[in-house]
Amino acid sequence: MEIILKEDIANLGYKNDIVNVKSGYGRNYLIPTGKAVIASPSAKKMLAEELKQRAHKLEKIKKDAEAVAAKLEGVSLTIATKVSSTGTIFGSVGNIQIAEALAKLGHEIDRKIIVVKDAVKEVGNYKAIVKLHKEVSVEIPFEVVAE
């Protein structure tokens, strides 16, 4: 089933992408929640016209994302957490703690666009990816230390 996405969906696509999904996923979840519409020929024509009109705005959004990426390029974070005697963390470090650490440095980044690949449950060095735009992402190294 071919659909047009109305918003970014992780592991599926970005807004205004035309993607193929299984019928049940499209009809039972994406379309009823307003996250997608069926990609009929008329919907595709409307999408093409809308993209043509929005090309200038999209270019500006991409340039803004590249500017933020340039500011984040040299950033390295140190996150202090409570640690047991064996070096394991009570809980884990996730995107919320990384967003808070970036906010302390003056970079207001939404926690939803920060991706931490591995579960951070021990003291050490890790990397987080900030997905600012579908074509622009920044890798931020961070170190977890004992409080």
C-alpha atoms as a PDB file:
ATOM      1  CA  MET A   1       0.000   0.000   0.000  1.00  0.00           C
ATOM      2  CA  GLU A   2       1.417   3.365  -1.007  1.00  0.00           C
ATOM      3  CA  ILE A   3       0.928   6.270   1.406  1.00  0.00           C
ATOM      4  CA  ILE A   4       2.104   9.869   1.816  1.00  0.00           C
ATOM      5  CA  LEU A   5       3.465  10.648   5.286  1.00  0.00           C
ATOM      6  CA  LYS A   6       2.157  13.768   7.016  1.00  0.00           C
ATOM      7  CA  GLU A   7       4.879  13.781   9.696  1.00  0.00           C
ATOM      8  CA  ASP A   8       8.267  12.212  10.399  1.00  0.00           C
ATOM      9  CA  ILE A   9       7.988   8.611  11.591  1.00  0.00           C
ATOM     10  CA  ALA A  10      11.052   6.816  12.925  1.00  0.00           C
ATOM     11  CA  ASN A  11      12.278   3.892  10.807  1.00  0.00           C
ATOM     12  CA  LEU A  12       9.697   4.634   8.105  1.00  0.00           C
ATOM     13  CA  GLY A  13      10.289   8.034   6.532  1.00  0.00           C
ATOM     14  CA  TYR A  14      10.029  11.780   6.698  1.00  0.00           C
ATOM     15  CA  LYS A  15       7.174  14.201   6.129  1.00  0.00           C
ATOM     16  CA  ASN A  16       5.878  14.240   2.516  1.00  0.00           C
ATOM     17  CA  ASP A  17       7.684  11.000   1.604  1.00  0.00           C
ATOM     18  CA  ILE A  18       5.797   8.411  -0.424  1.00  0.00           C
ATOM     19  CA  VAL A  19       6.421   5.006   1.153  1.00  0.00           C
ATOM     20  CA  ASN A  20       5.102   1.463   0.832  1.00  0.00           C
ATOM     21  CA  VAL A  21       3.691  -0.119   3.984  1.00  0.00           C
ATOM     22  CA  LYS A  22       1.611  -3.168   4.728  1.00  0.00           C
ATOM     23  CA  SER A  23      -2.127  -2.602   4.373  1.00  0.00           C
ATOM     24  CA  GLY A  24      -2.964  -3.222   8.026  1.00  0.00           C
ATOM     25  CA  TYR A  25      -0.337  -0.779   9.289  1.00  0.00           C
ATOM     26  CA  GLY A  26      -1.562   1.901   6.906  1.00  0.00           C
ATOM     27  CA  ARG A  27      -5.319   1.411   7.321  1.00  0.00           C
ATOM     28  CA  ASN A  28      -5.393   0.639  11.040  1.00  0.00           C
ATOM     29  CA  TYR A  29      -2.751   3.006  12.405  1.00  0.00           C
ATOM     30  CA  LEU A  30      -1.216   5.591  10.073  1.00  0.00           C
ATOM     31  CA  ILE A  31      -4.337   6.864   8.292  1.00  0.00           C
ATOM     32  CA  PRO A  32      -6.746   6.949  11.309  1.00  0.00           C
ATOM     33  CA  THR A  33      -4.203   8.803  13.480  1.00  0.00           C
ATOM     34  CA  GLY A  34      -3.631  11.391  10.739  1.00  0.00           C
ATOM     35  CA  LYS A  35       0.010  10.484  10.208  1.00  0.00           C
ATOM     36  CA  ALA A  36      -0.520   9.552   6.552  1.00  0.00           C
ATOM     37  CA  VAL A  37      -2.925   9.635   3.609  1.00  0.00           C
ATOM     38  CA  ILE A  38      -3.424   7.201   0.757  1.00  0.00           C
ATOM     39  CA  ALA A  39      -1.167   8.077  -2.206  1.00  0.00           C
ATOM     40  CA  SER A  40      -3.845   8.428  -4.883  1.00  0.00           C
ATOM     41  CA  PRO A  41      -2.907  10.096  -8.187  1.00  0.00           C
ATOM     42  CA  SER A  42      -4.635  13.336  -7.135  1.00  0.00           C
ATOM     43  CA  ALA A  43      -2.865  13.302  -3.740  1.00  0.00           C
ATOM     44  CA  LYS A  44       0.476  12.835  -5.537  1.00  0.00           C
ATOM     45  CA  LYS A  45      -0.244  15.838  -7.791  1.00  0.00           C
ATOM     46  CA  MET A  46      -1.146  17.959  -4.770  1.00  0.00           C
ATOM     47  CA  LEU A  47       2.042  16.839  -3.021  1.00  0.00           C
ATOM     48  CA  ALA A  48       4.182  17.726  -6.051  1.00  0.00           C
ATOM     49  CA  GLU A  49       2.628  21.194  -6.255  1.00  0.00           C
ATOM     50  CA  GLU A  50       3.028  21.767  -2.530  1.00  0.00           C
ATOM     51  CA  LEU A  51       6.681  20.669  -2.628  1.00  0.00           C
ATOM     52  CA  LYS A  52       7.366  22.977  -5.551  1.00  0.00           C
ATOM     53  CA  GLN A  53       5.925  25.911  -3.605  1.00  0.00           C
ATOM     54  CA  ARG A  54       7.711  24.976  -0.392  1.00  0.00           C
ATOM     55  CA  ALA A  55      11.142  24.357  -1.947  1.00  0.00           C
ATOM     56  CA  HIS A  56      12.408  27.761  -0.837  1.00  0.00           C
ATOM     57  CA  LYS A  57      11.209  27.259   2.747  1.00  0.00           C
ATOM     58  CA  LEU A  58      12.708  23.782   2.882  1.00  0.00           C
ATOM     59  CA  GLU A  59      16.071  25.146   1.745  1.00  0.00           C
ATOM     60  CA  LYS A  60      15.972  27.719   4.561  1.00  0.00           C
ATOM     61  CA  ILE A  61      15.090  25.021   7.117  1.00  0.00           C
ATOM     62  CA  LYS A  62      18.021  22.923   5.896  1.00  0.00           C
ATOM     63  CA  LYS A  63      20.412  25.900   6.136  1.00  0.00           C
ATOM     64  CA  ASP A  64      19.208  26.574   9.703  1.00  0.00           C
ATOM     65  CA  ALA A  65      19.819  22.915  10.576  1.00  0.00           C
ATOM     66  CA  GLU A  66      23.328  23.115   9.078  1.00  0.00           C
ATOM     67  CA  ALA A  67      24.026  26.242  11.158  1.00  0.00           C
ATOM     68  CA  VAL A  68      22.975  24.455  14.350  1.00  0.00           C
ATOM     69  CA  ALA A  69      25.071  21.452  13.295  1.00  0.00           C
ATOM     70  CA  ALA A  70      28.102  23.707  12.890  1.00  0.00           C
ATOM     71  CA  LYS A  71      27.594  25.028  16.438  1.00  0.00           C
ATOM     72  CA  LEU A  72      27.287  21.492  17.822  1.00  0.00           C
ATOM     73  CA  GLU A  73      30.269  20.141  15.863  1.00  0.00           C
ATOM     74  CA  GLY A  74      32.945  20.576  18.549  1.00  0.00           C
ATOM     75  CA  VAL A  75      30.731  19.951  21.575  1.00  0.00           C
ATOM     76  CA  SER A  76      31.719  17.217  23.999  1.00  0.00           C
ATOM     77  CA  LEU A  77      29.600  16.489  27.060  1.00  0.00           C
ATOM     78  CA  THR A  78      30.329  15.143  30.516  1.00  0.00           C
ATOM     79  CA  ILE A  79      27.342  13.746  32.372  1.00  0.00           C
ATOM     80  CA  ALA A  80      27.650  12.991  36.085  1.00  0.00           C
ATOM     81  CA  THR A  81      25.347  10.349  37.549  1.00  0.00           C
ATOM     82  CA  LYS A  82      25.073   8.240  40.660  1.00  0.00           C
ATOM     83  CA  VAL A  83      27.156   5.096  40.298  1.00  0.00           C
ATOM     84  CA  SER A  84      27.430   1.903  42.351  1.00  0.00           C
ATOM     85  CA  SER A  85      30.749   0.602  43.636  1.00  0.00           C
ATOM     86  CA  THR A  86      31.028  -1.735  40.623  1.00  0.00           C
ATOM     87  CA  GLY A  87      30.768   1.131  38.107  1.00  0.00           C
ATOM     88  CA  THR A  88      27.185   0.554  36.966  1.00  0.00           C
ATOM     89  CA  ILE A  89      24.762   3.440  36.856  1.00  0.00           C
ATOM     90  CA  PHE A  90      21.593   3.558  38.927  1.00  0.00           C
ATOM     91  CA  GLY A  91      19.105   3.743  36.043  1.00  0.00           C
ATOM     92  CA  SER A  92      20.534   4.823  32.702  1.00  0.00           C
ATOM     93  CA  VAL A  93      21.570   7.905  30.752  1.00  0.00           C
ATOM     94  CA  GLY A  94      19.240   8.743  27.876  1.00  0.00           C
ATOM     95  CA  ASN A  95      18.308  11.514  25.517  1.00  0.00           C
ATOM     96  CA  ILE A  96      16.706  13.578  28.307  1.00  0.00           C
ATOM     97  CA  GLN A  97      19.981  13.887  30.236  1.00  0.00           C
ATOM     98  CA  ILE A  98      21.857  14.717  27.024  1.00  0.00           C
ATOM     99  CA  ALA A  99      19.311  17.428  26.138  1.00  0.00           C
ATOM    100  CA  GLU A 100      19.678  18.903  29.645  1.00  0.00           C
ATOM    101  CA  ALA A 101      23.483  18.893  29.360  1.00  0.00           C
ATOM    102  CA  LEU A 102      23.253  20.635  25.971  1.00  0.00           C
ATOM    103  CA  ALA A 103      20.847  23.209  27.455  1.00  0.00           C
ATOM    104  CA  LYS A 104      23.412  24.010  30.167  1.00  0.00           C
ATOM    105  CA  LEU A 105      25.901  24.781  27.375  1.00  0.00           C
ATOM    106  CA  GLY A 106      23.366  27.058  25.668  1.00  0.00           C
ATOM    107  CA  HIS A 107      22.124  24.712  22.935  1.00  0.00           C
ATOM    108  CA  GLU A 108      18.348  24.213  23.120  1.00  0.00           C
ATOM    109  CA  ILE A 109      17.821  20.862  21.389  1.00  0.00           C
ATOM    110  CA  ASP A 110      14.552  18.924  21.511  1.00  0.00           C
ATOM    111  CA  ARG A 111      15.086  15.580  23.256  1.00  0.00           C
ATOM    112  CA  LYS A 112      13.012  13.783  20.619  1.00  0.00           C
ATOM    113  CA  ILE A 113      15.651  14.297  17.918  1.00  0.00           C
ATOM    114  CA  ILE A 114      18.503  12.911  20.050  1.00  0.00           C
ATOM    115  CA  VAL A 115      19.238   9.222  19.485  1.00  0.00           C
ATOM    116  CA  VAL A 116      21.439   7.117  21.766  1.00  0.00           C
ATOM    117  CA  LYS A 117      22.137   3.804  20.043  1.00  0.00           C
ATOM    118  CA  ASP A 118      23.241   1.656  22.978  1.00  0.00           C
ATOM    119  CA  ALA A 119      21.801   1.572  26.495  1.00  0.00           C
ATOM    120  CA  VAL A 120      24.115   3.645  28.688  1.00  0.00           C
ATOM    121  CA  LYS A 121      24.304   1.731  31.960  1.00  0.00           C
ATOM    122  CA  GLU A 122      27.998   1.998  32.832  1.00  0.00           C
ATOM    123  CA  VAL A 123      30.625   4.694  33.236  1.00  0.00           C
ATOM    124  CA  GLY A 124      32.483   5.357  29.990  1.00  0.00           C
ATOM    125  CA  ASN A 125      32.529   7.150  26.633  1.00  0.00           C
ATOM    126  CA  TYR A 126      29.529   7.012  24.284  1.00  0.00           C
ATOM    127  CA  LYS A 127      28.117   8.781  21.238  1.00  0.00           C
ATOM    128  CA  ALA A 128      24.701  10.323  20.610  1.00  0.00           C
ATOM    129  CA  ILE A 129      23.295  11.385  17.254  1.00  0.00           C
ATOM    130  CA  VAL A 130      21.264  14.583  16.895  1.00  0.00           C
ATOM    131  CA  LYS A 131      19.036  14.374  13.809  1.00  0.00           C
ATOM    132  CA  LEU A 132      18.395  18.021  12.960  1.00  0.00           C
ATOM    133  CA  HIS A 133      17.054  17.419   9.441  1.00  0.00           C
ATOM    134  CA  LYS A 134      16.599  14.376   7.255  1.00  0.00           C
ATOM    135  CA  GLU A 135      19.921  15.196   5.572  1.00  0.00           C
ATOM    136  CA  VAL A 136      21.726  16.817   8.535  1.00  0.00           C
ATOM    137  CA  SER A 137      22.795  14.968  11.668  1.00  0.00           C
ATOM    138  CA  VAL A 138      25.569  15.521  14.202  1.00  0.00           C
ATOM    139  CA  GLU A 139      27.385  12.970  16.317  1.00  0.00           C
ATOM    140  CA  ILE A 140      28.063  14.196  19.850  1.00  0.00           C
ATOM    141  CA  PRO A 141      30.525  12.324  22.058  1.00  0.00           C
ATOM    142  CA  PHE A 142      29.686  12.240  25.747  1.00  0.00           C
ATOM    143  CA  GLU A 143      31.330  10.795  28.800  1.00  0.00           C
ATOM    144  CA  VAL A 144      29.477   9.370  31.767  1.00  0.00           C
ATOM    145  CA  VAL A 145      31.312   9.897  35.063  1.00  0.00           C
ATOM    146  CA  ALA A 146      30.567   9.148  38.710  1.00  0.00           C
ATOM    147  CA  GLU A 147      28.968  11.953  40.713  1.00  0.00           C
END
